[in-house]
Protein backbone atom coordinates (compact mmCIF):
# COMPACT_ATOMS: atom_id res chain seq x y z
CA MET A 1 25.34 8.81 19.93
CA SER A 2 28.18 6.47 19.01
CA SER A 3 31.78 7.55 19.41
CA THR A 4 32.39 7.19 15.67
CA ILE A 5 29.93 10.00 14.93
CA ALA A 6 31.42 12.25 17.60
CA ALA A 7 34.93 11.61 16.33
CA ARG A 8 34.12 12.14 12.66
CA ALA A 9 35.00 15.69 11.66
CA LEU A 10 35.22 17.92 8.59
CA GLN A 11 37.87 20.61 8.88
CA GLY A 12 37.37 20.81 12.62
CA VAL A 13 33.57 20.34 12.54
CA SER A 14 32.06 17.48 14.58
CA ILE A 15 28.50 16.16 14.89
CA ARG A 16 26.95 15.65 18.31
CA PRO A 17 23.48 15.57 19.91
CA LEU A 18 22.10 18.94 20.95
CA ASP A 19 22.00 19.08 24.71
CA GLY A 20 20.00 21.64 26.65
CA PRO A 21 18.40 25.08 26.17
CA GLU A 22 21.57 26.84 25.01
CA ASP A 23 22.06 24.39 22.15
CA PHE A 24 18.38 24.54 21.19
CA GLN A 25 18.50 28.36 21.07
CA ARG A 26 21.60 28.24 18.87
CA ALA A 27 19.57 26.20 16.40
CA GLU A 28 17.10 29.10 16.09
CA ARG A 29 19.96 31.38 14.99
CA VAL A 30 21.20 28.81 12.46
CA GLN A 31 17.77 28.79 10.77
CA ILE A 32 17.86 32.56 10.31
CA GLU A 33 21.41 32.48 8.95
CA THR A 34 20.68 29.59 6.58
CA TRP A 35 17.28 30.52 5.14
CA GLY A 36 16.69 34.16 6.10
CA TYR A 37 13.56 33.25 8.05
CA ARG A 38 11.55 35.81 9.95
CA ASP A 39 10.73 34.97 13.55
CA ILE A 40 7.28 33.63 12.65
CA ASP A 41 8.78 30.78 10.55
CA VAL A 42 11.62 29.81 12.90
CA VAL A 43 11.15 26.43 14.60
CA PRO A 44 11.42 27.36 18.30
CA SER A 45 13.97 25.89 20.68
CA ALA A 46 11.29 23.98 22.61
CA ILE A 47 10.58 21.81 19.55
CA PHE A 48 14.25 20.80 19.40
CA SER A 49 13.94 19.71 23.02
CA VAL A 50 10.88 17.60 22.17
CA ALA A 51 12.72 15.90 19.30
CA ARG A 52 15.84 15.31 21.39
CA ASN A 53 14.02 13.83 24.36
CA PHE A 54 11.11 11.93 22.81
CA GLY A 55 12.37 9.62 20.10
CA GLY A 56 13.46 12.03 17.37
CA GLN A 57 16.85 13.50 16.54
CA ALA A 58 18.43 16.86 17.27
CA LEU A 59 22.02 16.78 16.06
CA GLY A 60 24.35 19.76 15.85
CA ALA A 61 27.35 20.40 13.62
CA MET A 62 29.84 22.20 15.84
CA ASP A 63 32.99 24.12 14.96
CA GLY A 64 34.32 24.47 18.47
CA ASP A 65 31.55 26.26 20.38
CA LEU A 66 29.97 27.60 17.17
CA MET A 67 26.95 25.75 15.76
CA VAL A 68 27.24 25.76 11.97
CA GLY A 69 24.48 23.30 11.12
CA PHE A 70 21.94 20.90 12.56
CA ALA A 71 19.50 18.10 11.82
CA LEU A 72 16.02 17.99 13.33
CA SER A 73 13.92 14.82 13.05
CA PHE A 74 10.73 13.51 14.64
CA GLY A 75 9.62 9.99 15.38
CA ALA A 76 6.83 9.02 12.96
CA CYS A 77 4.63 6.10 12.02
CA GLU A 78 2.60 5.61 8.83
CA HIS A 79 0.59 2.48 7.98
CA GLY A 80 2.13 0.79 11.02
CA HIS A 81 5.66 1.51 9.77
CA PRO A 82 7.90 3.38 12.28
CA HIS A 83 10.53 5.73 10.90
CA LEU A 84 12.07 9.17 11.38
CA HIS A 85 10.84 12.27 9.58
CA SER A 86 13.80 14.56 8.98
CA HIS A 87 12.16 17.98 9.12
CA MET A 88 15.24 20.18 8.71
CA VAL A 89 18.92 19.91 7.87
CA ALA A 90 20.65 23.28 7.95
CA VAL A 91 24.18 24.41 7.09
CA VAL A 92 25.08 28.10 7.48
CA PRO A 93 26.34 29.80 4.29
CA GLY A 94 30.01 29.96 5.25
CA TYR A 95 30.13 26.17 5.64
CA GLN A 96 28.10 25.12 2.60
CA ASN A 97 29.57 23.19 -0.37
CA ARG A 98 32.19 21.53 1.83
CA GLY A 99 30.51 18.16 2.37
CA LEU A 100 29.03 19.08 5.73
CA GLY A 101 25.45 18.33 4.67
CA ARG A 102 26.44 14.79 3.74
CA LEU A 103 28.28 14.36 7.02
CA ILE A 104 25.15 15.38 8.92
CA LYS A 105 23.00 12.94 6.92
CA LEU A 106 25.44 10.10 7.57
CA ALA A 107 25.32 10.92 11.28
CA GLN A 108 21.51 10.73 11.11
CA ARG A 109 21.75 7.33 9.42
CA GLU A 110 24.23 5.92 11.92
CA ASP A 111 22.21 7.12 14.91
CA ALA A 112 18.97 5.71 13.47
CA LEU A 113 20.43 2.29 12.69
CA ARG A 114 21.96 2.10 16.15
CA ARG A 115 18.45 2.58 17.54
CA GLY A 116 16.90 -0.05 15.25
CA ILE A 117 15.27 2.51 12.91
CA ARG A 118 15.57 1.46 9.27
CA GLN A 119 14.11 4.42 7.40
CA ILE A 120 14.33 8.22 7.36
CA VAL A 121 12.03 10.31 5.17
CA TRP A 122 12.10 14.01 4.29
CA THR A 123 10.87 16.47 1.70
CA PHE A 124 12.59 18.98 -0.57
CA ASP A 125 11.74 21.40 -3.38
CA PRO A 126 11.75 19.30 -6.59
CA LEU A 127 12.86 22.33 -8.62
CA GLN A 128 16.16 22.48 -6.72
CA ALA A 129 18.43 20.35 -8.89
CA ARG A 130 21.39 20.42 -6.52
CA ASN A 131 19.26 19.14 -3.65
CA ALA A 132 17.74 16.48 -5.89
CA TYR A 133 21.17 15.25 -6.94
CA PHE A 134 22.34 15.17 -3.32
CA ASN A 135 19.27 13.39 -1.94
CA ILE A 136 18.91 10.82 -4.72
CA ALA A 137 22.22 10.33 -6.54
CA ARG A 138 24.56 10.91 -3.59
CA LEU A 139 22.58 9.46 -0.69
CA GLY A 140 20.54 6.79 -2.45
CA GLY A 141 17.10 8.11 -1.53
CA ILE A 142 14.08 7.46 -3.74
CA GLY A 143 11.23 9.86 -4.54
CA VAL A 144 7.84 8.36 -3.75
CA ARG A 145 5.26 11.16 -3.39
CA TYR A 146 4.69 14.67 -4.77
CA MET A 147 3.10 17.03 -2.21
CA PRO A 148 1.79 20.32 -3.67
CA ASN A 149 2.18 23.50 -1.55
CA LEU A 150 3.00 21.50 1.58
CA TYR A 151 3.85 24.46 3.82
CA GLY A 152 1.90 27.26 2.14
CA LYS A 153 3.71 30.55 1.60
CA THR A 154 6.66 31.31 3.89
CA SER A 155 8.77 34.37 4.68
CA SER A 156 11.95 32.82 3.26
CA PRO A 157 13.31 34.72 0.23
CA LEU A 158 14.47 31.34 -1.11
CA HIS A 159 10.82 30.41 -1.76
CA GLY A 160 10.10 33.61 -3.67
CA GLY A 161 6.40 33.54 -2.75
CA MET A 162 5.84 30.39 -4.84
CA PRO A 163 3.80 27.40 -3.69
CA THR A 164 5.98 25.20 -1.50
CA ASP A 165 5.71 22.01 -3.56
CA ARG A 166 7.74 19.19 -2.05
CA LEU A 167 8.95 15.75 -3.10
CA LEU A 168 8.94 13.05 -0.41
CA ILE A 169 12.16 11.07 -0.19
CA GLU A 170 12.49 7.64 1.41
CA TRP A 171 15.98 6.74 2.64
CA ASN A 172 16.00 3.01 3.38
CA LEU A 173 19.04 2.92 5.60
CA ASP A 174 20.05 -0.74 5.49
CA ASN A 175 19.04 -1.38 1.88
CA PRO A 176 21.98 -2.79 -0.15
CA ILE A 177 21.23 -0.25 -2.90
CA VAL A 178 21.71 2.61 -0.44
CA SER A 179 24.89 1.08 0.95
CA GLY A 180 26.20 0.74 -2.59
CA VAL A 181 25.43 4.34 -3.50
CA LEU A 182 27.13 5.60 -0.34
CA ASN A 183 30.21 3.61 -1.33
CA GLY A 184 30.26 4.93 -4.90
CA VAL A 185 28.65 1.93 -6.62
CA PRO A 186 26.52 3.06 -9.61
CA ARG A 187 22.86 2.18 -9.25
CA ALA A 188 21.53 -0.25 -11.88
CA ARG A 189 18.79 1.18 -14.08
CA ALA A 190 15.85 -0.60 -15.70
CA ALA A 191 15.64 -0.59 -19.48
CA ASP A 192 12.21 1.05 -19.36
CA ALA A 193 13.27 3.95 -17.12
CA ILE A 194 11.72 7.36 -17.87
CA ALA A 195 13.54 10.70 -17.73
CA ILE A 196 11.76 13.95 -16.77
CA THR A 197 13.62 17.22 -17.35
CA VAL A 198 13.81 19.71 -14.47
CA PRO A 199 13.19 23.32 -15.60
CA VAL A 200 15.85 25.85 -14.67
CA ILE A 201 14.32 28.47 -12.36
CA SER A 202 16.11 31.81 -11.88
CA ASN A 203 15.40 34.69 -9.50
CA ASP A 204 15.01 37.17 -12.36
CA GLN A 205 12.50 34.95 -14.20
CA PRO A 206 8.98 36.44 -14.35
CA ASN A 207 6.76 34.96 -11.65
CA ALA A 208 4.18 33.70 -14.15
CA SER A 209 6.88 31.78 -16.02
CA ARG A 210 8.24 30.26 -12.80
CA LEU A 211 4.77 29.14 -11.76
CA ALA A 212 4.17 27.59 -15.20
CA ASP A 213 7.43 25.64 -14.99
CA GLN A 214 6.55 24.45 -11.51
CA SER A 215 3.07 23.37 -12.63
CA ARG A 216 4.42 21.36 -15.57
CA LEU A 217 6.87 19.46 -13.38
CA ARG A 218 4.14 18.90 -10.78
CA GLU A 219 1.77 17.40 -13.36
CA GLN A 220 4.43 15.12 -14.87
CA LEU A 221 5.74 13.75 -11.58
CA MET A 222 2.35 13.36 -9.92
CA ALA A 223 1.02 11.39 -12.89
CA LEU A 224 3.97 8.99 -12.95
CA LEU A 225 4.22 8.53 -9.18
CA SER A 226 0.50 7.77 -8.96
CA ASP A 227 0.96 5.20 -11.74
CA GLY A 228 3.40 3.11 -9.71
CA PHE A 229 6.71 4.73 -10.64
CA VAL A 230 9.32 5.87 -8.14
CA ILE A 231 12.23 8.26 -8.67
CA THR A 232 15.40 6.19 -8.51
CA ASP A 233 18.12 8.49 -9.82
CA PHE A 234 18.97 12.04 -10.84
CA GLU A 235 21.24 13.21 -13.65
CA CYS A 236 22.96 16.58 -13.97
CA LYS A 237 24.04 17.41 -17.51
CA GLU A 238 25.46 20.54 -19.07
CA ARG A 239 22.16 21.96 -20.26
CA ALA A 240 19.56 19.97 -18.35
CA SER A 241 18.95 17.95 -15.23
CA MET A 242 16.61 14.97 -15.15
CA TYR A 243 14.68 12.82 -12.71
CA ILE A 244 14.91 9.11 -13.58
CA LEU A 245 11.80 7.09 -12.76
CA GLU A 246 11.23 3.34 -12.76
CA LYS A 247 8.32 1.10 -11.88
CA ASP A 248 8.38 0.24 -8.18
CA ARG A 249 10.03 -3.16 -7.94
CA SER A 250 11.05 -5.42 -5.06
CA GLY A 251 14.25 -4.19 -3.46
CA LEU A 252 13.67 -0.47 -4.01
CA ARG A 253 11.57 0.31 -0.96
CA CYS A 254 11.68 -0.70 2.68
CA ALA A 255 10.80 -4.38 3.17
CA ASP A 256 7.89 -3.42 5.42
CA GLU A 257 6.28 -1.54 2.51
CA ASN A 258 6.80 -4.00 -0.36
């Protein structure tokens, strides 16, 4: 890990590689604090050791000796294209909404580029507008694949027993578009871009209504993504949030995949 990552801090929090069984066990606790997981859904400490020692990433956000977040990634290869799959990024509740998640993602990016890795991919719930805005509008990721019920049902109360639909994000680390977004440069948009509204899902909404909203978004995004569109931006407005999709053009995706 480069010294710039280790030195970068947010209100006393620094990012460093996890190192040894004690760190890996702390990451188990962070999962429970962040998502309310039961033991059966917690990624065990041994998996963090595998990621740390065999080509992935296991980074911890540390406030002194207290772990307040982490990133867990695995080395991956698809169609001959090596990359990292970022499986989890966690921030405990008391440290959320302070920019720590972005700091962790930037540490992931810096570490990957230092190692010659040009792309990180991950998935998130496409109904979560705040996550969509962060992943796409703030980091410069693009949505390329809709994956219905990827993990099945989990014990997390955040999932509410719904199918765990996920949207696959590509983060092309050295792409000029990504660099621009990270530096506050607005992303250019094609004239024929399409906007898809994200339904607002609430905990007190009847389950049948939540499932119907999820199904509608699934059908819309799967149809467009399979027709050659990619998600290039995300807008948050007063009464609605929207995915912005454009036809996949040169310069959007990693050069190895164009």
